Amino acid sequence: MIHEIFGVEGPPRIEASVPAGSLVLEQGPDGTVEVTVDTSRPEPWRVTKSGNTITVSYERMGFGTGGRATVRVVVPSGSALRAETASASVTSHVDLGQVIVKTAAGDVQLRDCDSAVVKSAAGELSIRNVAGDLAVKSASGDVDVNVVSGSVSATTASGDVSIQEVSGAFTASSASGDVRVARYLGEDLEVSTMSGDMSFGLPARTSVKLTASTLSGDVRLPERSDGSEPPLRHISVRAKSVSGDIRLQRLS
């Protein structure tokens, strides 16, 4: 086992390469970062500090079949995270700043963060809230997010994208995965799928400039307003699918 404690000034930056096992971030006091690497083979692991950056790395050439460890990092709120894994999961129990994660098959679970960029092959992604922008590329993993206050860019092959609320521009493409935004508050929405369904909730008094097409799917649009009240917002919606359904619904 490796155990290190470092002093830092302000929110630190955590850079971690964990081939297999898990990476867990937990809430800690300001000014301190505590790192524990629980592994049966600690020799290839390095835990170092340079400036305000703490690095946890597995130093053998290539991930191979080794590198399994439980890495626990106790950090103050607002810390930045850059993580790379093969099959290790990434879980944060603390609110973070900028997050960048690249994983092959590991699941990613985050609380609140300032922004997030996640690339995954088969891992699932779950985030509570993103204060800024979110960018996701996934092959088969699902994407589940509560609130994104900035823009969203999402690309999946078969994974579903489900977000409760988006305030910025929204762009998504999928082969067979469904795309759902329960409440869209932005001004520009563009989605294309092959066979995946798409669904968007639009607030009342929203004027929509719509371009929608599907070859064999259904297009379901909300009823027109009676025009008694002027619209509060105007949005552009471009939705295209081969066989998936397209649904726009007006929220109360």
C-alpha atoms as a PDB file:
ATOM      1  CA  MET A   1       0.000   0.000   0.000  1.00  0.00           C
ATOM      2  CA  ILE A   2       1.090   3.564  -0.734  1.00  0.00           C
ATOM      3  CA  HIS A   3      -0.050   6.476   1.413  1.00  0.00           C
ATOM      4  CA  GLU A   4       0.959  10.111   0.839  1.00  0.00           C
ATOM      5  CA  ILE A   5      -0.237  13.481   2.169  1.00  0.00           C
ATOM      6  CA  PHE A   6       0.593  16.721   0.345  1.00  0.00           C
ATOM      7  CA  GLY A   7       0.078  20.381   1.144  1.00  0.00           C
ATOM      8  CA  VAL A   8      -1.425  22.496  -1.666  1.00  0.00           C
ATOM      9  CA  GLU A   9      -2.421  26.115  -2.201  1.00  0.00           C
ATOM     10  CA  GLY A  10      -5.935  26.512  -3.541  1.00  0.00           C
ATOM     11  CA  PRO A  11      -7.793  23.799  -5.472  1.00  0.00           C
ATOM     12  CA  PRO A  12      -5.267  21.220  -6.751  1.00  0.00           C
ATOM     13  CA  ARG A  13      -5.169  19.308 -10.026  1.00  0.00           C
ATOM     14  CA  ILE A  14      -5.332  15.514  -9.821  1.00  0.00           C
ATOM     15  CA  GLU A  15      -3.888  13.495 -12.692  1.00  0.00           C
ATOM     16  CA  ALA A  16      -4.482   9.756 -12.382  1.00  0.00           C
ATOM     17  CA  SER A  17      -3.779   6.744 -14.605  1.00  0.00           C
ATOM     18  CA  VAL A  18      -5.440   3.644 -13.157  1.00  0.00           C
ATOM     19  CA  PRO A  19      -5.578   0.588 -15.445  1.00  0.00           C
ATOM     20  CA  ALA A  20      -7.970  -1.555 -13.391  1.00  0.00           C
ATOM     21  CA  GLY A  21      -9.799  -1.392 -10.093  1.00  0.00           C
ATOM     22  CA  SER A  22     -11.221   1.951  -8.970  1.00  0.00           C
ATOM     23  CA  LEU A  23     -10.444   5.629  -8.520  1.00  0.00           C
ATOM     24  CA  VAL A  24     -12.448   7.307  -5.758  1.00  0.00           C
ATOM     25  CA  LEU A  25     -12.352  10.998  -4.855  1.00  0.00           C
ATOM     26  CA  GLU A  26     -13.626  12.026  -1.429  1.00  0.00           C
ATOM     27  CA  GLN A  27     -14.206  15.339   0.322  1.00  0.00           C
ATOM     28  CA  GLY A  28     -11.280  16.720   2.312  1.00  0.00           C
ATOM     29  CA  PRO A  29     -10.157  20.000   3.916  1.00  0.00           C
ATOM     30  CA  ASP A  30      -8.641  22.911   2.004  1.00  0.00           C
ATOM     31  CA  GLY A  31      -4.877  22.879   1.639  1.00  0.00           C
ATOM     32  CA  THR A  32      -4.380  19.106   1.754  1.00  0.00           C
ATOM     33  CA  VAL A  33      -4.478  16.156  -0.644  1.00  0.00           C
ATOM     34  CA  GLU A  34      -4.300  12.609   0.709  1.00  0.00           C
ATOM     35  CA  VAL A  35      -3.614   9.699  -1.654  1.00  0.00           C
ATOM     36  CA  THR A  36      -3.901   5.993  -0.855  1.00  0.00           C
ATOM     37  CA  VAL A  37      -3.066   3.281  -3.404  1.00  0.00           C
ATOM     38  CA  ASP A  38      -4.234  -0.105  -2.155  1.00  0.00           C
ATOM     39  CA  THR A  39      -2.597  -2.757  -4.333  1.00  0.00           C
ATOM     40  CA  SER A  40      -0.810  -6.082  -3.964  1.00  0.00           C
ATOM     41  CA  ARG A  41       1.990  -4.825  -6.236  1.00  0.00           C
ATOM     42  CA  PRO A  42       2.936  -1.258  -5.267  1.00  0.00           C
ATOM     43  CA  GLU A  43       6.327  -1.224  -7.052  1.00  0.00           C
ATOM     44  CA  PRO A  44       5.126   0.137 -10.451  1.00  0.00           C
ATOM     45  CA  TRP A  45       3.004   2.871  -8.851  1.00  0.00           C
ATOM     46  CA  ARG A  46       4.161   6.455  -8.413  1.00  0.00           C
ATOM     47  CA  VAL A  47       2.523   9.246  -6.403  1.00  0.00           C
ATOM     48  CA  THR A  48       4.198  12.612  -6.948  1.00  0.00           C
ATOM     49  CA  LYS A  49       3.598  16.342  -6.553  1.00  0.00           C
ATOM     50  CA  SER A  50       4.706  19.122  -8.901  1.00  0.00           C
ATOM     51  CA  GLY A  51       3.461  22.582  -8.038  1.00  0.00           C
ATOM     52  CA  ASN A  52      -0.253  22.200  -7.379  1.00  0.00           C
ATOM     53  CA  THR A  53      -0.557  18.997  -9.427  1.00  0.00           C
ATOM     54  CA  ILE A  54      -0.742  15.583  -7.770  1.00  0.00           C
ATOM     55  CA  THR A  55      -0.002  12.662 -10.105  1.00  0.00           C
ATOM     56  CA  VAL A  56      -0.931   9.032  -9.498  1.00  0.00           C
ATOM     57  CA  SER A  57       0.443   6.754 -12.200  1.00  0.00           C
ATOM     58  CA  TYR A  58       1.123   3.125 -13.036  1.00  0.00           C
ATOM     59  CA  GLU A  59       4.499   3.184 -14.738  1.00  0.00           C
ATOM     60  CA  ARG A  60       4.778  -0.084 -16.605  1.00  0.00           C
ATOM     61  CA  MET A  61       4.779   0.108 -20.382  1.00  0.00           C
ATOM     62  CA  GLY A  62       1.144  -0.278 -21.390  1.00  0.00           C
ATOM     63  CA  PHE A  63      -1.652  -1.200 -19.044  1.00  0.00           C
ATOM     64  CA  GLY A  64      -1.539  -4.923 -19.891  1.00  0.00           C
ATOM     65  CA  THR A  65      -3.268  -7.182 -17.383  1.00  0.00           C
ATOM     66  CA  GLY A  66      -1.675  -5.611 -14.310  1.00  0.00           C
ATOM     67  CA  GLY A  67      -2.203  -2.353 -12.543  1.00  0.00           C
ATOM     68  CA  ARG A  68      -5.221  -3.308 -10.450  1.00  0.00           C
ATOM     69  CA  ALA A  69      -5.604  -1.034  -7.449  1.00  0.00           C
ATOM     70  CA  THR A  70      -8.064   0.865  -5.317  1.00  0.00           C
ATOM     71  CA  VAL A  71      -6.939   4.483  -5.493  1.00  0.00           C
ATOM     72  CA  ARG A  72      -8.487   6.847  -2.944  1.00  0.00           C
ATOM     73  CA  VAL A  73      -7.826  10.581  -3.214  1.00  0.00           C
ATOM     74  CA  VAL A  74      -9.113  12.987  -0.562  1.00  0.00           C
ATOM     75  CA  VAL A  75      -9.301  16.500  -2.021  1.00  0.00           C
ATOM     76  CA  PRO A  76     -10.886  19.899  -1.322  1.00  0.00           C
ATOM     77  CA  SER A  77     -13.891  21.084  -3.311  1.00  0.00           C
ATOM     78  CA  GLY A  78     -13.137  22.629  -6.681  1.00  0.00           C
ATOM     79  CA  SER A  79     -10.220  20.328  -7.494  1.00  0.00           C
ATOM     80  CA  ALA A  80      -9.591  19.591 -11.173  1.00  0.00           C
ATOM     81  CA  LEU A  81      -9.421  15.981 -12.375  1.00  0.00           C
ATOM     82  CA  ARG A  82      -7.783  14.370 -15.393  1.00  0.00           C
ATOM     83  CA  ALA A  83      -8.112  10.576 -15.306  1.00  0.00           C
ATOM     84  CA  GLU A  84      -7.367   7.736 -17.705  1.00  0.00           C
ATOM     85  CA  THR A  85      -8.424   4.140 -17.105  1.00  0.00           C
ATOM     86  CA  ALA A  86      -8.851   0.852 -18.915  1.00  0.00           C
ATOM     87  CA  SER A  87     -11.490  -0.917 -16.819  1.00  0.00           C
ATOM     88  CA  ALA A  88     -11.208   1.030 -13.565  1.00  0.00           C
ATOM     89  CA  SER A  89     -14.265   2.937 -12.412  1.00  0.00           C
ATOM     90  CA  VAL A  90     -14.102   6.638 -11.526  1.00  0.00           C
ATOM     91  CA  THR A  91     -16.307   7.878  -8.673  1.00  0.00           C
ATOM     92  CA  SER A  92     -16.334  11.351  -7.143  1.00  0.00           C
ATOM     93  CA  HIS A  93     -18.041  12.179  -3.844  1.00  0.00           C
ATOM     94  CA  VAL A  94     -16.815  15.784  -3.950  1.00  0.00           C
ATOM     95  CA  ASP A  95     -17.734  18.742  -6.160  1.00  0.00           C
ATOM     96  CA  LEU A  96     -15.001  19.295  -8.739  1.00  0.00           C
ATOM     97  CA  GLY A  97     -13.768  21.966 -11.139  1.00  0.00           C
ATOM     98  CA  GLN A  98     -12.771  20.895 -14.648  1.00  0.00           C
ATOM     99  CA  VAL A  99     -13.087  17.144 -15.269  1.00  0.00           C
ATOM    100  CA  ILE A 100     -11.503  15.202 -18.143  1.00  0.00           C
ATOM    101  CA  VAL A 101     -11.889  11.415 -18.153  1.00  0.00           C
ATOM    102  CA  LYS A 102     -10.918   8.824 -20.746  1.00  0.00           C
ATOM    103  CA  THR A 103     -11.905   5.217 -20.105  1.00  0.00           C
ATOM    104  CA  ALA A 104     -12.401   2.005 -22.033  1.00  0.00           C
ATOM    105  CA  ALA A 105     -14.858   0.079 -19.880  1.00  0.00           C
ATOM    106  CA  GLY A 106     -14.946   1.826 -16.525  1.00  0.00           C
ATOM    107  CA  ASP A 107     -18.078   3.548 -15.225  1.00  0.00           C
ATOM    108  CA  VAL A 108     -17.863   7.250 -14.346  1.00  0.00           C
ATOM    109  CA  GLN A 109     -19.958   8.783 -11.552  1.00  0.00           C
ATOM    110  CA  LEU A 110     -19.589  12.465 -10.701  1.00  0.00           C
ATOM    111  CA  ARG A 111     -21.324  14.951  -8.439  1.00  0.00           C
ATOM    112  CA  ASP A 112     -21.265  18.635  -9.378  1.00  0.00           C
ATOM    113  CA  CYS A 113     -18.450  19.940 -11.600  1.00  0.00           C
ATOM    114  CA  ASP A 114     -17.609  23.136 -13.488  1.00  0.00           C
ATOM    115  CA  SER A 115     -17.201  21.363 -16.838  1.00  0.00           C
ATOM    116  CA  ALA A 116     -16.741  17.807 -18.066  1.00  0.00           C
ATOM    117  CA  VAL A 117     -15.202  16.026 -21.044  1.00  0.00           C
ATOM    118  CA  VAL A 118     -15.704  12.249 -21.015  1.00  0.00           C
ATOM    119  CA  LYS A 119     -14.636   9.675 -23.618  1.00  0.00           C
ATOM    120  CA  SER A 120     -15.766   6.109 -23.023  1.00  0.00           C
ATOM    121  CA  ALA A 121     -16.095   2.880 -24.973  1.00  0.00           C
ATOM    122  CA  ALA A 122     -18.434   0.841 -22.798  1.00  0.00           C
ATOM    123  CA  GLY A 123     -18.611   2.602 -19.445  1.00  0.00           C
ATOM    124  CA  GLU A 124     -21.719   4.253 -18.045  1.00  0.00           C
ATOM    125  CA  LEU A 125     -21.641   7.985 -17.254  1.00  0.00           C
ATOM    126  CA  SER A 126     -23.642   9.610 -14.460  1.00  0.00           C
ATOM    127  CA  ILE A 127     -23.306  13.268 -13.433  1.00  0.00           C
ATOM    128  CA  ARG A 128     -25.429  15.294 -11.050  1.00  0.00           C
ATOM    129  CA  ASN A 129     -24.870  18.870 -12.267  1.00  0.00           C
ATOM    130  CA  VAL A 130     -22.503  20.559 -14.727  1.00  0.00           C
ATOM    131  CA  ALA A 131     -22.162  24.328 -14.232  1.00  0.00           C
ATOM    132  CA  GLY A 132     -20.567  24.847 -17.655  1.00  0.00           C
ATOM    133  CA  ASP A 133     -20.236  22.711 -20.779  1.00  0.00           C
ATOM    134  CA  LEU A 134     -20.432  18.941 -21.190  1.00  0.00           C
ATOM    135  CA  ALA A 135     -18.825  16.933 -24.014  1.00  0.00           C
ATOM    136  CA  VAL A 136     -19.349  13.163 -24.202  1.00  0.00           C
ATOM    137  CA  LYS A 137     -18.240  10.495 -26.672  1.00  0.00           C
ATOM    138  CA  SER A 138     -19.399   6.966 -25.926  1.00  0.00           C
ATOM    139  CA  ALA A 139     -19.751   3.721 -27.848  1.00  0.00           C
ATOM    140  CA  SER A 140     -22.201   1.643 -25.820  1.00  0.00           C
ATOM    141  CA  GLY A 141     -22.350   3.335 -22.433  1.00  0.00           C
ATOM    142  CA  ASP A 142     -25.434   5.270 -21.327  1.00  0.00           C
ATOM    143  CA  VAL A 143     -25.235   8.938 -20.331  1.00  0.00           C
ATOM    144  CA  ASP A 144     -27.418  10.119 -17.432  1.00  0.00           C
ATOM    145  CA  VAL A 145     -27.152  13.738 -16.243  1.00  0.00           C
ATOM    146  CA  ASN A 146     -29.378  15.912 -14.093  1.00  0.00           C
ATOM    147  CA  VAL A 147     -28.640  19.545 -15.066  1.00  0.00           C
ATOM    148  CA  VAL A 148     -26.221  21.104 -17.572  1.00  0.00           C
ATOM    149  CA  SER A 149     -26.131  24.910 -17.316  1.00  0.00           C
ATOM    150  CA  GLY A 150     -23.911  25.289 -20.405  1.00  0.00           C
ATOM    151  CA  SER A 151     -23.834  23.530 -23.761  1.00  0.00           C
ATOM    152  CA  VAL A 152     -23.906  19.791 -24.494  1.00  0.00           C
ATOM    153  CA  SER A 153     -22.152  17.846 -27.233  1.00  0.00           C
ATOM    154  CA  ALA A 154     -22.881  14.103 -27.138  1.00  0.00           C
ATOM    155  CA  THR A 155     -21.960  11.317 -29.557  1.00  0.00           C
ATOM    156  CA  THR A 156     -22.908   7.684 -28.963  1.00  0.00           C
ATOM    157  CA  ALA A 157     -23.233   4.479 -30.951  1.00  0.00           C
ATOM    158  CA  SER A 158     -25.758   2.453 -28.952  1.00  0.00           C
ATOM    159  CA  GLY A 159     -25.797   4.229 -25.609  1.00  0.00           C
ATOM    160  CA  ASP A 160     -28.791   6.320 -24.511  1.00  0.00           C
ATOM    161  CA  VAL A 161     -28.451   9.993 -23.584  1.00  0.00           C
ATOM    162  CA  SER A 162     -30.827  11.247 -20.886  1.00  0.00           C
ATOM    163  CA  ILE A 163     -30.544  14.758 -19.402  1.00  0.00           C
ATOM    164  CA  GLN A 164     -33.141  16.392 -17.199  1.00  0.00           C
ATOM    165  CA  GLU A 165     -32.338  20.024 -18.064  1.00  0.00           C
ATOM    166  CA  VAL A 166     -30.042  21.820 -20.516  1.00  0.00           C
ATOM    167  CA  SER A 167     -29.646  25.610 -20.711  1.00  0.00           C
ATOM    168  CA  GLY A 168     -27.144  25.989 -23.587  1.00  0.00           C
ATOM    169  CA  ALA A 169     -26.813  24.723 -27.141  1.00  0.00           C
ATOM    170  CA  PHE A 170     -27.443  20.988 -27.505  1.00  0.00           C
ATOM    171  CA  THR A 171     -25.877  18.796 -30.210  1.00  0.00           C
ATOM    172  CA  ALA A 172     -26.150  15.015 -30.241  1.00  0.00           C
ATOM    173  CA  SER A 173     -25.746  12.147 -32.689  1.00  0.00           C
ATOM    174  CA  SER A 174     -26.430   8.464 -32.143  1.00  0.00           C
ATOM    175  CA  ALA A 175     -26.737   5.265 -34.139  1.00  0.00           C
ATOM    176  CA  SER A 176     -29.257   3.262 -32.112  1.00  0.00           C
ATOM    177  CA  GLY A 177     -29.281   5.074 -28.774  1.00  0.00           C
ATOM    178  CA  ASP A 178     -32.210   7.211 -27.613  1.00  0.00           C
ATOM    179  CA  VAL A 179     -31.748  10.921 -26.870  1.00  0.00           C
ATOM    180  CA  ARG A 180     -33.938  12.614 -24.253  1.00  0.00           C
ATOM    181  CA  VAL A 181     -33.898  16.102 -22.747  1.00  0.00           C
ATOM    182  CA  ALA A 182     -36.741  16.507 -20.258  1.00  0.00           C
ATOM    183  CA  ARG A 183     -36.505  20.323 -20.176  1.00  0.00           C
ATOM    184  CA  TYR A 184     -34.636  22.280 -22.835  1.00  0.00           C
ATOM    185  CA  LEU A 185     -34.016  25.973 -22.058  1.00  0.00           C
ATOM    186  CA  GLY A 186     -31.475  26.793 -24.769  1.00  0.00           C
ATOM    187  CA  GLU A 187     -31.858  28.360 -28.212  1.00  0.00           C
ATOM    188  CA  ASP A 188     -30.246  25.820 -30.559  1.00  0.00           C
ATOM    189  CA  LEU A 189     -30.935  22.095 -30.612  1.00  0.00           C
ATOM    190  CA  GLU A 190     -29.604  19.672 -33.245  1.00  0.00           C
ATOM    191  CA  VAL A 191     -29.930  15.881 -33.049  1.00  0.00           C
ATOM    192  CA  SER A 192     -29.494  13.064 -35.556  1.00  0.00           C
ATOM    193  CA  THR A 193     -29.989   9.325 -35.044  1.00  0.00           C
ATOM    194  CA  MET A 194     -30.279   6.190 -37.137  1.00  0.00           C
ATOM    195  CA  SER A 195     -32.812   4.132 -35.181  1.00  0.00           C
ATOM    196  CA  GLY A 196     -32.822   5.874 -31.810  1.00  0.00           C
ATOM    197  CA  ASP A 197     -35.845   7.806 -30.596  1.00  0.00           C
ATOM    198  CA  MET A 198     -35.567  11.415 -29.453  1.00  0.00           C
ATOM    199  CA  SER A 199     -37.711  13.403 -27.039  1.00  0.00           C
ATOM    200  CA  PHE A 200     -37.516  17.038 -25.900  1.00  0.00           C
ATOM    201  CA  GLY A 201     -39.571  19.020 -23.423  1.00  0.00           C
ATOM    202  CA  LEU A 202     -39.980  22.720 -24.249  1.00  0.00           C
ATOM    203  CA  PRO A 203     -41.233  25.327 -21.757  1.00  0.00           C
ATOM    204  CA  ALA A 204     -44.523  27.104 -22.369  1.00  0.00           C
ATOM    205  CA  ARG A 205     -44.404  30.269 -24.498  1.00  0.00           C
ATOM    206  CA  THR A 206     -41.565  28.940 -26.633  1.00  0.00           C
ATOM    207  CA  SER A 207     -41.506  29.761 -30.324  1.00  0.00           C
ATOM    208  CA  VAL A 208     -39.936  26.917 -32.330  1.00  0.00           C
ATOM    209  CA  LYS A 209     -38.288  27.044 -35.731  1.00  0.00           C
ATOM    210  CA  LEU A 210     -38.433  23.346 -36.592  1.00  0.00           C
ATOM    211  CA  THR A 211     -36.737  21.214 -39.209  1.00  0.00           C
ATOM    212  CA  ALA A 212     -37.574  17.539 -38.614  1.00  0.00           C
ATOM    213  CA  SER A 213     -37.352  14.477 -40.845  1.00  0.00           C
ATOM    214  CA  THR A 214     -37.565  10.706 -40.407  1.00  0.00           C
ATOM    215  CA  LEU A 215     -38.008   7.940 -42.986  1.00  0.00           C
ATOM    216  CA  SER A 216     -40.070   5.411 -41.034  1.00  0.00           C
ATOM    217  CA  GLY A 217     -40.405   6.926 -37.573  1.00  0.00           C
ATOM    218  CA  ASP A 218     -43.198   9.135 -36.222  1.00  0.00           C
ATOM    219  CA  VAL A 219     -42.963  12.877 -35.661  1.00  0.00           C
ATOM    220  CA  ARG A 220     -45.094  14.134 -32.765  1.00  0.00           C
ATOM    221  CA  LEU A 221     -45.323  17.866 -32.223  1.00  0.00           C
ATOM    222  CA  PRO A 222     -46.996  19.875 -29.427  1.00  0.00           C
ATOM    223  CA  GLU A 223     -50.235  21.700 -29.992  1.00  0.00           C
ATOM    224  CA  ARG A 224     -49.892  25.275 -31.178  1.00  0.00           C
ATOM    225  CA  SER A 225     -50.424  27.960 -28.577  1.00  0.00           C
ATOM    226  CA  ASP A 226     -53.507  30.139 -28.907  1.00  0.00           C
ATOM    227  CA  GLY A 227     -51.319  33.200 -29.476  1.00  0.00           C
ATOM    228  CA  SER A 228     -52.833  35.132 -26.566  1.00  0.00           C
ATOM    229  CA  GLU A 229     -49.381  35.600 -24.994  1.00  0.00           C
ATOM    230  CA  PRO A 230     -46.176  36.495 -26.823  1.00  0.00           C
ATOM    231  CA  PRO A 231     -43.349  33.948 -26.693  1.00  0.00           C
ATOM    232  CA  LEU A 232     -40.690  34.356 -24.033  1.00  0.00           C
ATOM    233  CA  ARG A 233     -38.008  32.478 -25.975  1.00  0.00           C
ATOM    234  CA  HIS A 234     -37.214  31.397 -29.513  1.00  0.00           C
ATOM    235  CA  ILE A 235     -35.351  28.204 -30.344  1.00  0.00           C
ATOM    236  CA  SER A 236     -34.167  26.412 -33.459  1.00  0.00           C
ATOM    237  CA  VAL A 237     -34.706  22.638 -33.566  1.00  0.00           C
ATOM    238  CA  ARG A 238     -33.123  20.400 -36.207  1.00  0.00           C
ATOM    239  CA  ALA A 239     -33.980  16.731 -35.723  1.00  0.00           C
ATOM    240  CA  LYS A 240     -33.179  13.963 -38.206  1.00  0.00           C
ATOM    241  CA  SER A 241     -33.674  10.206 -37.945  1.00  0.00           C
ATOM    242  CA  VAL A 242     -33.883   7.201 -40.246  1.00  0.00           C
ATOM    243  CA  SER A 243     -36.290   5.007 -38.283  1.00  0.00           C
ATOM    244  CA  GLY A 244     -36.493   6.626 -34.856  1.00  0.00           C
ATOM    245  CA  ASP A 245     -39.407   8.656 -33.504  1.00  0.00           C
ATOM    246  CA  ILE A 246     -39.145  12.414 -32.931  1.00  0.00           C
ATOM    247  CA  ARG A 247     -41.216  13.925 -30.132  1.00  0.00           C
ATOM    248  CA  LEU A 248     -41.501  17.535 -28.975  1.00  0.00           C
ATOM    249  CA  GLN A 249     -43.739  18.240 -26.021  1.00  0.00           C
ATOM    250  CA  ARG A 250     -44.720  21.534 -24.464  1.00  0.00           C
ATOM    251  CA  LEU A 251     -44.254  21.723 -20.707  1.00  0.00           C
ATOM    252  CA  SER A 252     -46.582  23.547 -18.353  1.00  0.00           C
END
